Amino acid sequence: MLLLSTYAIDEAREVVARKWPSRVDALERYLRALNFETVATPSTPQPGLFEIRDPLDYPVLYSAIIGAADVFVTGDKDFADVALPSPVIVTPGEYMAAFARH
């Protein structure tokens, strides 16, 4: 099952509205069409669970942890050096090669 954090959804909405305002409706249609569970990102995530270069990325991975995600798929290179037992952090290409076949 796909998990999306409220933080990531809000960030997507903010970025699309700012950079591509004509595509806001397309994003909303896309979100309605996806089959996913929402993980509520706490307003104050528990600090110190892992180190990451960009502090704005912390709530995204924290949401995956509290949502008990098995796999965290991201193209953001800041996550490449994060060491956690779970979730497994992979790029979209790695996910497609390893997990999408199942």
C-alpha atoms as a PDB file:
ATOM      1  CA  MET A   1       0.000   0.000   0.000  1.00  0.00           C
ATOM      2  CA  LEU A   2       1.227   3.469  -0.856  1.00  0.00           C
ATOM      3  CA  LEU A   3       1.622   5.829   2.107  1.00  0.00           C
ATOM      4  CA  LEU A   4       1.634   9.592   1.668  1.00  0.00           C
ATOM      5  CA  SER A   5       2.326  11.941   4.537  1.00  0.00           C
ATOM      6  CA  THR A   6       0.249  15.027   5.099  1.00  0.00           C
ATOM      7  CA  TYR A   7       3.557  16.913   4.997  1.00  0.00           C
ATOM      8  CA  ALA A   8       4.402  15.610   1.499  1.00  0.00           C
ATOM      9  CA  ILE A   9       0.882  16.245   0.194  1.00  0.00           C
ATOM     10  CA  ASP A  10       0.895  19.802   1.553  1.00  0.00           C
ATOM     11  CA  GLU A  11       4.367  20.404   0.105  1.00  0.00           C
ATOM     12  CA  ALA A  12       3.274  19.123  -3.327  1.00  0.00           C
ATOM     13  CA  ARG A  13       0.250  21.411  -3.266  1.00  0.00           C
ATOM     14  CA  GLU A  14       2.352  24.420  -2.245  1.00  0.00           C
ATOM     15  CA  VAL A  15       5.033  23.810  -4.895  1.00  0.00           C
ATOM     16  CA  VAL A  16       2.553  23.183  -7.715  1.00  0.00           C
ATOM     17  CA  ALA A  17       0.507  26.264  -6.771  1.00  0.00           C
ATOM     18  CA  ARG A  18       3.643  28.417  -6.695  1.00  0.00           C
ATOM     19  CA  LYS A  19       5.445  27.080  -9.783  1.00  0.00           C
ATOM     20  CA  TRP A  20       2.624  25.791 -11.991  1.00  0.00           C
ATOM     21  CA  PRO A  21      -0.677  27.339 -10.861  1.00  0.00           C
ATOM     22  CA  SER A  22      -2.439  26.098 -13.982  1.00  0.00           C
ATOM     23  CA  ARG A  23      -1.720  22.503 -12.886  1.00  0.00           C
ATOM     24  CA  VAL A  24      -3.295  22.632  -9.412  1.00  0.00           C
ATOM     25  CA  ASP A  25      -6.469  20.918 -10.647  1.00  0.00           C
ATOM     26  CA  ALA A  26      -4.408  18.173 -12.310  1.00  0.00           C
ATOM     27  CA  LEU A  27      -2.590  17.492  -9.036  1.00  0.00           C
ATOM     28  CA  GLU A  28      -5.879  17.264  -7.145  1.00  0.00           C
ATOM     29  CA  ARG A  29      -7.299  14.850  -9.751  1.00  0.00           C
ATOM     30  CA  TYR A  30      -4.124  12.766  -9.492  1.00  0.00           C
ATOM     31  CA  LEU A  31      -4.358  12.619  -5.696  1.00  0.00           C
ATOM     32  CA  ARG A  32      -8.030  11.587  -5.871  1.00  0.00           C
ATOM     33  CA  ALA A  33      -7.184   8.831  -8.379  1.00  0.00           C
ATOM     34  CA  LEU A  34      -4.336   7.355  -6.307  1.00  0.00           C
ATOM     35  CA  ASN A  35      -4.993   4.497  -3.918  1.00  0.00           C
ATOM     36  CA  PHE A  36      -3.063   5.476  -0.790  1.00  0.00           C
ATOM     37  CA  GLU A  37      -3.206   5.767   2.972  1.00  0.00           C
ATOM     38  CA  THR A  38      -2.474   9.089   4.603  1.00  0.00           C
ATOM     39  CA  VAL A  39       0.005   9.338   7.466  1.00  0.00           C
ATOM     40  CA  ALA A  40      -0.520  12.421   9.595  1.00  0.00           C
ATOM     41  CA  THR A  41       2.820  14.132  10.088  1.00  0.00           C
ATOM     42  CA  PRO A  42       3.060  15.387  13.678  1.00  0.00           C
ATOM     43  CA  SER A  43       3.565  19.133  14.001  1.00  0.00           C
ATOM     44  CA  THR A  44       6.632  18.350  16.136  1.00  0.00           C
ATOM     45  CA  PRO A  45       8.344  15.150  14.950  1.00  0.00           C
ATOM     46  CA  GLN A  46      10.485  13.327  17.508  1.00  0.00           C
ATOM     47  CA  PRO A  47      14.019  14.649  16.960  1.00  0.00           C
ATOM     48  CA  GLY A  48      17.230  12.657  16.786  1.00  0.00           C
ATOM     49  CA  LEU A  49      16.046   9.415  15.185  1.00  0.00           C
ATOM     50  CA  PHE A  50      18.388   9.938  12.237  1.00  0.00           C
ATOM     51  CA  GLU A  51      20.711  12.543  10.749  1.00  0.00           C
ATOM     52  CA  ILE A  52      19.859  14.249   7.458  1.00  0.00           C
ATOM     53  CA  ARG A  53      21.449  17.225   5.723  1.00  0.00           C
ATOM     54  CA  ASP A  54      18.250  19.178   5.032  1.00  0.00           C
ATOM     55  CA  PRO A  55      16.117  19.574   8.174  1.00  0.00           C
ATOM     56  CA  LEU A  56      13.034  20.140   5.994  1.00  0.00           C
ATOM     57  CA  ASP A  57      13.354  16.510   4.838  1.00  0.00           C
ATOM     58  CA  TYR A  58      13.184  15.158   8.400  1.00  0.00           C
ATOM     59  CA  PRO A  59       9.338  15.176   8.652  1.00  0.00           C
ATOM     60  CA  VAL A  60       9.015  13.280   5.368  1.00  0.00           C
ATOM     61  CA  LEU A  61      11.099  10.305   6.500  1.00  0.00           C
ATOM     62  CA  TYR A  62       9.740  10.552  10.046  1.00  0.00           C
ATOM     63  CA  SER A  63       6.224  10.103   8.607  1.00  0.00           C
ATOM     64  CA  ALA A  64       7.372   6.956   6.799  1.00  0.00           C
ATOM     65  CA  ILE A  65       8.749   5.619  10.085  1.00  0.00           C
ATOM     66  CA  ILE A  66       5.581   6.263  12.109  1.00  0.00           C
ATOM     67  CA  GLY A  67       3.489   4.927   9.216  1.00  0.00           C
ATOM     68  CA  ALA A  68       5.501   1.676   9.404  1.00  0.00           C
ATOM     69  CA  ALA A  69       6.525   1.886   5.744  1.00  0.00           C
ATOM     70  CA  ASP A  70       8.623  -1.006   4.477  1.00  0.00           C
ATOM     71  CA  VAL A  71      10.186   0.992   1.647  1.00  0.00           C
ATOM     72  CA  PHE A  72      10.825   4.725   1.254  1.00  0.00           C
ATOM     73  CA  VAL A  73      11.136   5.721  -2.408  1.00  0.00           C
ATOM     74  CA  THR A  74      12.829   9.039  -3.150  1.00  0.00           C
ATOM     75  CA  GLY A  75      14.918  10.720  -5.785  1.00  0.00           C
ATOM     76  CA  ASP A  76      16.287  13.168  -3.193  1.00  0.00           C
ATOM     77  CA  LYS A  77      20.005  12.467  -2.768  1.00  0.00           C
ATOM     78  CA  ASP A  78      19.931  13.818   0.806  1.00  0.00           C
ATOM     79  CA  PHE A  79      18.348  10.541   1.907  1.00  0.00           C
ATOM     80  CA  ALA A  80      21.114   8.369   0.415  1.00  0.00           C
ATOM     81  CA  ASP A  81      23.331   8.585   3.506  1.00  0.00           C
ATOM     82  CA  VAL A  82      20.599   8.017   6.093  1.00  0.00           C
ATOM     83  CA  ALA A  83      21.148   4.747   7.949  1.00  0.00           C
ATOM     84  CA  LEU A  84      17.971   3.128   9.284  1.00  0.00           C
ATOM     85  CA  PRO A  85      16.925  -0.488   9.740  1.00  0.00           C
ATOM     86  CA  SER A  86      13.489   0.381   8.355  1.00  0.00           C
ATOM     87  CA  PRO A  87      12.219   1.612   6.023  1.00  0.00           C
ATOM     88  CA  VAL A  88      14.611   0.619   3.262  1.00  0.00           C
ATOM     89  CA  ILE A  89      15.493   3.816   1.362  1.00  0.00           C
ATOM     90  CA  VAL A  90      15.688   3.394  -2.422  1.00  0.00           C
ATOM     91  CA  THR A  91      15.599   5.505  -5.562  1.00  0.00           C
ATOM     92  CA  PRO A  92      12.655   5.156  -7.951  1.00  0.00           C
ATOM     93  CA  GLY A  93      14.894   3.148 -10.318  1.00  0.00           C
ATOM     94  CA  GLU A  94      15.984   0.809  -7.534  1.00  0.00           C
ATOM     95  CA  TYR A  95      12.373   0.327  -6.498  1.00  0.00           C
ATOM     96  CA  MET A  96      11.287  -0.557 -10.016  1.00  0.00           C
ATOM     97  CA  ALA A  97      14.180  -2.990 -10.443  1.00  0.00           C
ATOM     98  CA  ALA A  98      13.799  -4.716  -7.082  1.00  0.00           C
ATOM     99  CA  PHE A  99      10.234  -4.423  -5.866  1.00  0.00           C
ATOM    100  CA  ALA A 100       7.886  -3.749  -8.774  1.00  0.00           C
ATOM    101  CA  ARG A 101       8.374  -7.254 -10.167  1.00  0.00           C
ATOM    102  CA  HIS A 102       6.639  -8.847  -7.164  1.00  0.00           C
END
